[in-house]
Amino acid sequence: MIVFEGRAALSAFRLSRLARRLGLADEGLQATFVYFLDMPAADAAQAAQLARILEARQVVLADLGSGLYVVPRLGTVSPWASKATDILRACGLPVARVERGVAYRFAAAPALDAATLR
């Protein structure tokens, strides 16, 4: 699996609204797209092409850090993933599947109960 971390997943307004709902300062919350690719190891040219297409940078899964990761249910293929996989294949990349999630990171770990997480 190859992992890329992308741009902000939420606008400044939505991020601020979510931070207030969670009782955090605006700068205490970050939300970025994370892309998970099922493909053989990418060479440098393929990695650069993926970075341009996804507007993201390749990262090591262990370096993503802690936070709350929201991804589609296991065993499902989101409409985004279906279309993105087709696009990457049309670009000549040997991708079996690509999926997008959102990584929420907190500057200070809040005490979130199950109801708040839902």
N, C-alpha and C. Protein backbone atom coordinates (compact mmCIF):
# COMPACT_ATOMS: atom_id res chain seq x y z
N MET A 1 0.85 -1.17 0.00
CA MET A 1 0.00 0.00 0.00
C MET A 1 0.89 1.23 0.00
N ILE A 2 0.50 2.19 -0.83
CA ILE A 2 1.19 3.46 -0.90
C ILE A 2 0.24 4.51 -0.34
N VAL A 3 0.78 5.42 0.46
CA VAL A 3 -0.05 6.42 1.13
C VAL A 3 0.42 7.82 0.74
N PHE A 4 -0.56 8.68 0.43
CA PHE A 4 -0.29 10.07 0.13
C PHE A 4 -1.13 10.93 1.06
N GLU A 5 -0.55 12.05 1.49
CA GLU A 5 -1.31 13.01 2.29
C GLU A 5 -1.52 14.24 1.45
N GLY A 6 -2.77 14.71 1.39
CA GLY A 6 -3.11 15.79 0.50
C GLY A 6 -3.44 17.10 1.19
N ARG A 7 -4.23 17.87 0.49
CA ARG A 7 -4.58 19.21 0.95
C ARG A 7 -5.65 19.17 2.03
N ALA A 8 -6.03 20.33 2.49
CA ALA A 8 -7.05 20.44 3.54
C ALA A 8 -8.37 19.85 3.06
N ALA A 9 -9.01 19.07 3.92
CA ALA A 9 -10.26 18.41 3.57
C ALA A 9 -11.46 19.31 3.83
N LEU A 10 -11.30 20.30 4.69
CA LEU A 10 -12.41 21.19 5.04
C LEU A 10 -11.99 22.64 4.81
N SER A 11 -12.96 23.46 4.42
CA SER A 11 -12.69 24.89 4.29
C SER A 11 -12.43 25.46 5.68
N ALA A 12 -11.86 26.64 5.73
CA ALA A 12 -11.58 27.28 7.02
C ALA A 12 -12.86 27.46 7.83
N PHE A 13 -13.96 27.80 7.16
CA PHE A 13 -15.24 27.98 7.85
C PHE A 13 -15.71 26.67 8.47
N ARG A 14 -15.70 25.59 7.71
CA ARG A 14 -16.17 24.30 8.23
C ARG A 14 -15.26 23.77 9.34
N LEU A 15 -13.97 23.98 9.18
CA LEU A 15 -13.02 23.55 10.21
C LEU A 15 -13.25 24.32 11.50
N SER A 16 -13.46 25.62 11.38
CA SER A 16 -13.73 26.45 12.55
C SER A 16 -15.03 26.02 13.24
N ARG A 17 -16.06 25.76 12.45
CA ARG A 17 -17.35 25.34 13.02
C ARG A 17 -17.22 24.00 13.74
N LEU A 18 -16.47 23.06 13.15
CA LEU A 18 -16.26 21.76 13.79
C LEU A 18 -15.45 21.91 15.07
N ALA A 19 -14.42 22.74 15.04
CA ALA A 19 -13.59 22.96 16.24
C ALA A 19 -14.44 23.52 17.38
N ARG A 20 -15.33 24.46 17.06
CA ARG A 20 -16.21 25.02 18.10
C ARG A 20 -17.13 23.94 18.67
N ARG A 21 -17.68 23.08 17.80
CA ARG A 21 -18.57 22.01 18.27
C ARG A 21 -17.84 21.04 19.20
N LEU A 22 -16.53 20.88 18.96
CA LEU A 22 -15.73 19.97 19.78
C LEU A 22 -15.11 20.67 20.98
N GLY A 23 -15.30 21.97 21.08
CA GLY A 23 -14.74 22.73 22.20
C GLY A 23 -13.26 22.96 22.08
N LEU A 24 -12.76 23.12 20.86
CA LEU A 24 -11.33 23.34 20.61
C LEU A 24 -11.11 24.74 20.05
N ALA A 25 -9.90 25.23 20.20
CA ALA A 25 -9.53 26.46 19.51
C ALA A 25 -9.41 26.13 18.02
N ASP A 26 -9.63 27.11 17.17
CA ASP A 26 -9.58 26.87 15.72
C ASP A 26 -8.27 26.23 15.29
N GLU A 27 -7.16 26.68 15.88
CA GLU A 27 -5.86 26.13 15.48
C GLU A 27 -5.60 24.75 16.10
N GLY A 28 -6.53 24.27 16.91
CA GLY A 28 -6.37 22.97 17.57
C GLY A 28 -6.85 21.79 16.76
N LEU A 29 -7.35 22.05 15.54
CA LEU A 29 -7.90 20.98 14.71
C LEU A 29 -7.39 21.12 13.28
N GLN A 30 -7.03 20.00 12.70
CA GLN A 30 -6.56 19.95 11.33
C GLN A 30 -7.29 18.81 10.63
N ALA A 31 -7.66 18.99 9.37
CA ALA A 31 -8.31 17.93 8.59
C ALA A 31 -7.69 17.91 7.20
N THR A 32 -7.09 16.78 6.84
CA THR A 32 -6.46 16.65 5.53
C THR A 32 -6.92 15.37 4.86
N PHE A 33 -6.90 15.38 3.52
CA PHE A 33 -7.20 14.17 2.78
C PHE A 33 -6.02 13.22 2.85
N VAL A 34 -6.31 11.93 2.94
CA VAL A 34 -5.29 10.89 2.91
C VAL A 34 -5.73 9.89 1.84
N TYR A 35 -4.81 9.52 0.97
CA TYR A 35 -5.10 8.62 -0.13
C TYR A 35 -4.35 7.31 0.08
N PHE A 36 -5.06 6.20 -0.04
CA PHE A 36 -4.48 4.87 0.13
C PHE A 36 -4.55 4.17 -1.23
N LEU A 37 -3.39 3.78 -1.75
CA LEU A 37 -3.34 3.17 -3.07
C LEU A 37 -2.90 1.72 -2.98
N ASP A 38 -3.65 0.85 -3.61
CA ASP A 38 -3.29 -0.56 -3.72
C ASP A 38 -2.63 -0.72 -5.07
N MET A 39 -1.30 -0.75 -5.04
CA MET A 39 -0.53 -0.91 -6.27
C MET A 39 0.88 -1.36 -5.91
N PRO A 40 1.60 -1.92 -6.88
CA PRO A 40 3.00 -2.27 -6.59
C PRO A 40 3.78 -1.01 -6.24
N ALA A 41 4.92 -1.17 -5.65
CA ALA A 41 5.74 -0.01 -5.28
C ALA A 41 5.92 0.90 -6.49
N ALA A 42 5.72 2.18 -6.29
CA ALA A 42 5.83 3.15 -7.37
C ALA A 42 7.27 3.59 -7.53
N ASP A 43 7.73 3.66 -8.79
CA ASP A 43 9.06 4.21 -9.02
C ASP A 43 8.97 5.73 -8.90
N ALA A 44 10.09 6.41 -9.02
CA ALA A 44 10.12 7.85 -8.80
C ALA A 44 9.21 8.59 -9.77
N ALA A 45 9.17 8.18 -11.03
CA ALA A 45 8.32 8.85 -12.02
C ALA A 45 6.85 8.65 -11.70
N GLN A 46 6.47 7.44 -11.31
CA GLN A 46 5.07 7.17 -10.95
C GLN A 46 4.68 7.94 -9.69
N ALA A 47 5.56 7.98 -8.71
CA ALA A 47 5.27 8.71 -7.47
C ALA A 47 5.08 10.20 -7.76
N ALA A 48 5.90 10.75 -8.63
CA ALA A 48 5.76 12.16 -9.00
C ALA A 48 4.45 12.40 -9.74
N GLN A 49 4.08 11.47 -10.63
CA GLN A 49 2.82 11.60 -11.37
C GLN A 49 1.63 11.52 -10.41
N LEU A 50 1.68 10.59 -9.46
CA LEU A 50 0.60 10.47 -8.47
C LEU A 50 0.51 11.74 -7.62
N ALA A 51 1.64 12.28 -7.23
CA ALA A 51 1.65 13.49 -6.41
C ALA A 51 0.99 14.65 -7.16
N ARG A 52 1.26 14.76 -8.47
CA ARG A 52 0.64 15.83 -9.27
C ARG A 52 -0.86 15.61 -9.39
N ILE A 53 -1.27 14.40 -9.69
CA ILE A 53 -2.69 14.11 -9.92
C ILE A 53 -3.49 14.29 -8.63
N LEU A 54 -2.98 13.75 -7.53
CA LEU A 54 -3.70 13.80 -6.26
C LEU A 54 -3.49 15.10 -5.50
N GLU A 55 -2.56 15.93 -5.98
CA GLU A 55 -2.16 17.14 -5.27
C GLU A 55 -1.80 16.79 -3.83
N ALA A 56 -0.87 15.84 -3.70
CA ALA A 56 -0.51 15.29 -2.40
C ALA A 56 0.97 14.92 -2.40
N ARG A 57 1.44 14.55 -1.22
CA ARG A 57 2.83 14.10 -1.10
C ARG A 57 2.83 12.70 -0.51
N GLN A 58 3.77 11.88 -0.98
CA GLN A 58 3.86 10.52 -0.48
C GLN A 58 4.40 10.52 0.94
N VAL A 59 3.79 9.70 1.80
CA VAL A 59 4.22 9.58 3.18
C VAL A 59 4.30 8.11 3.56
N VAL A 60 5.01 7.85 4.62
CA VAL A 60 5.05 6.50 5.19
C VAL A 60 3.89 6.40 6.16
N LEU A 61 3.17 5.31 6.11
CA LEU A 61 1.97 5.14 6.93
C LEU A 61 2.26 5.43 8.40
N ALA A 62 3.40 4.96 8.91
CA ALA A 62 3.75 5.17 10.31
C ALA A 62 3.98 6.64 10.64
N ASP A 63 4.32 7.46 9.62
CA ASP A 63 4.60 8.87 9.84
C ASP A 63 3.35 9.75 9.82
N LEU A 64 2.19 9.18 9.55
CA LEU A 64 0.96 9.97 9.52
C LEU A 64 0.61 10.51 10.89
N GLY A 65 1.01 9.81 11.91
CA GLY A 65 0.75 10.28 13.27
C GLY A 65 -0.61 9.87 13.78
N SER A 66 -0.88 10.28 15.00
CA SER A 66 -2.14 9.89 15.62
C SER A 66 -3.23 10.89 15.23
N GLY A 67 -4.43 10.46 15.39
CA GLY A 67 -5.58 11.28 15.07
C GLY A 67 -6.77 10.37 14.83
N LEU A 68 -7.77 10.93 14.25
CA LEU A 68 -8.98 10.19 13.92
C LEU A 68 -9.06 10.11 12.41
N TYR A 69 -9.08 8.89 11.88
CA TYR A 69 -9.11 8.69 10.44
C TYR A 69 -10.49 8.19 10.03
N VAL A 70 -11.10 8.88 9.09
CA VAL A 70 -12.43 8.52 8.61
C VAL A 70 -12.29 8.03 7.18
N VAL A 71 -12.62 6.77 6.97
CA VAL A 71 -12.52 6.13 5.66
C VAL A 71 -13.81 5.35 5.41
N PRO A 72 -14.08 5.00 4.16
CA PRO A 72 -15.27 4.18 3.89
C PRO A 72 -15.20 2.84 4.61
N ARG A 73 -16.37 2.28 4.84
CA ARG A 73 -16.46 0.97 5.51
C ARG A 73 -15.63 -0.08 4.79
N LEU A 74 -15.06 -0.97 5.55
CA LEU A 74 -14.29 -2.07 5.01
C LEU A 74 -15.18 -2.90 4.09
N GLY A 75 -14.68 -3.22 2.93
CA GLY A 75 -15.44 -4.05 1.99
C GLY A 75 -16.28 -3.25 1.01
N THR A 76 -16.35 -1.93 1.18
CA THR A 76 -17.12 -1.11 0.24
C THR A 76 -16.16 -0.35 -0.67
N VAL A 77 -16.64 0.02 -1.83
CA VAL A 77 -15.88 0.86 -2.75
C VAL A 77 -16.70 2.12 -2.96
N SER A 78 -16.17 3.24 -2.54
CA SER A 78 -16.91 4.50 -2.66
C SER A 78 -16.98 4.92 -4.12
N PRO A 79 -17.97 5.72 -4.48
CA PRO A 79 -18.04 6.23 -5.85
C PRO A 79 -16.79 7.02 -6.21
N TRP A 80 -16.24 7.77 -5.24
CA TRP A 80 -15.00 8.51 -5.50
C TRP A 80 -13.89 7.55 -5.88
N ALA A 81 -13.75 6.45 -5.14
CA ALA A 81 -12.68 5.49 -5.40
C ALA A 81 -12.83 4.83 -6.76
N SER A 82 -14.05 4.51 -7.13
CA SER A 82 -14.30 3.88 -8.41
C SER A 82 -13.85 4.78 -9.56
N LYS A 83 -14.25 6.03 -9.52
CA LYS A 83 -13.89 6.97 -10.58
C LYS A 83 -12.40 7.29 -10.56
N ALA A 84 -11.84 7.52 -9.37
CA ALA A 84 -10.42 7.85 -9.26
C ALA A 84 -9.54 6.70 -9.74
N THR A 85 -9.93 5.47 -9.45
CA THR A 85 -9.18 4.31 -9.92
C THR A 85 -9.18 4.27 -11.44
N ASP A 86 -10.34 4.51 -12.05
CA ASP A 86 -10.42 4.55 -13.52
C ASP A 86 -9.52 5.63 -14.10
N ILE A 87 -9.51 6.80 -13.48
CA ILE A 87 -8.69 7.91 -13.97
C ILE A 87 -7.21 7.57 -13.88
N LEU A 88 -6.79 7.02 -12.74
CA LEU A 88 -5.37 6.68 -12.58
C LEU A 88 -4.94 5.58 -13.55
N ARG A 89 -5.80 4.63 -13.79
CA ARG A 89 -5.49 3.58 -14.79
C ARG A 89 -5.36 4.19 -16.18
N ALA A 90 -6.25 5.13 -16.52
CA ALA A 90 -6.19 5.79 -17.83
C ALA A 90 -4.91 6.60 -17.99
N CYS A 91 -4.32 7.02 -16.87
CA CYS A 91 -3.04 7.74 -16.89
C CYS A 91 -1.86 6.78 -17.00
N GLY A 92 -2.13 5.49 -17.10
CA GLY A 92 -1.07 4.50 -17.26
C GLY A 92 -0.46 4.00 -15.96
N LEU A 93 -1.10 4.25 -14.85
CA LEU A 93 -0.58 3.80 -13.55
C LEU A 93 -1.18 2.45 -13.20
N PRO A 94 -0.36 1.52 -12.69
CA PRO A 94 -0.83 0.16 -12.37
C PRO A 94 -1.55 0.10 -11.02
N VAL A 95 -2.68 0.79 -10.91
CA VAL A 95 -3.41 0.90 -9.65
C VAL A 95 -4.52 -0.14 -9.62
N ALA A 96 -4.55 -0.94 -8.55
CA ALA A 96 -5.66 -1.87 -8.36
C ALA A 96 -6.85 -1.12 -7.77
N ARG A 97 -6.56 -0.18 -6.86
CA ARG A 97 -7.62 0.60 -6.22
C ARG A 97 -6.99 1.77 -5.48
N VAL A 98 -7.73 2.87 -5.42
CA VAL A 98 -7.34 4.02 -4.62
C VAL A 98 -8.56 4.41 -3.79
N GLU A 99 -8.33 4.76 -2.54
CA GLU A 99 -9.43 5.20 -1.67
C GLU A 99 -8.98 6.46 -0.96
N ARG A 100 -9.94 7.32 -0.68
CA ARG A 100 -9.66 8.59 -0.01
C ARG A 100 -10.32 8.60 1.37
N GLY A 101 -9.57 9.09 2.35
CA GLY A 101 -10.10 9.27 3.68
C GLY A 101 -9.76 10.66 4.18
N VAL A 102 -10.21 10.97 5.36
CA VAL A 102 -9.90 12.26 5.98
C VAL A 102 -9.22 11.99 7.31
N ALA A 103 -8.09 12.65 7.52
CA ALA A 103 -7.35 12.54 8.78
C ALA A 103 -7.64 13.79 9.61
N TYR A 104 -8.22 13.58 10.79
CA TYR A 104 -8.47 14.68 11.73
C TYR A 104 -7.40 14.60 12.80
N ARG A 105 -6.65 15.69 12.97
CA ARG A 105 -5.60 15.71 13.98
C ARG A 105 -5.89 16.84 14.96
N PHE A 106 -5.61 16.54 16.22
CA PHE A 106 -5.91 17.47 17.30
C PHE A 106 -4.61 17.95 17.93
N ALA A 107 -4.49 19.28 18.14
CA ALA A 107 -3.29 19.82 18.78
C ALA A 107 -3.20 19.32 20.21
N ALA A 108 -4.31 19.28 20.90
CA ALA A 108 -4.38 18.73 22.25
C ALA A 108 -5.46 17.66 22.20
N ALA A 109 -5.16 16.50 22.69
CA ALA A 109 -6.12 15.40 22.63
C ALA A 109 -7.36 15.73 23.46
N PRO A 110 -8.50 15.96 22.82
CA PRO A 110 -9.71 16.26 23.58
C PRO A 110 -10.31 14.98 24.14
N ALA A 111 -11.09 15.13 25.17
CA ALA A 111 -11.80 13.99 25.74
C ALA A 111 -13.12 13.87 24.98
N LEU A 112 -13.13 13.03 23.96
CA LEU A 112 -14.31 12.86 23.14
C LEU A 112 -15.03 11.58 23.53
N ASP A 113 -16.30 11.70 23.86
CA ASP A 113 -17.07 10.50 24.17
C ASP A 113 -17.64 9.92 22.88
N ALA A 114 -18.25 8.77 22.94
CA ALA A 114 -18.75 8.07 21.76
C ALA A 114 -19.79 8.90 21.02
N ALA A 115 -20.64 9.62 21.75
CA ALA A 115 -21.69 10.43 21.11
C ALA A 115 -21.06 11.57 20.29
N THR A 116 -20.03 12.20 20.81
CA THR A 116 -19.37 13.28 20.11
C THR A 116 -18.66 12.76 18.85
N LEU A 117 -18.03 11.61 18.95
CA LEU A 117 -17.36 11.03 17.79
C LEU A 117 -18.34 10.68 16.69
N ARG A 118 -19.54 10.24 17.05
CA ARG A 118 -20.56 9.93 16.03
C ARG A 118 -20.94 11.20 15.31
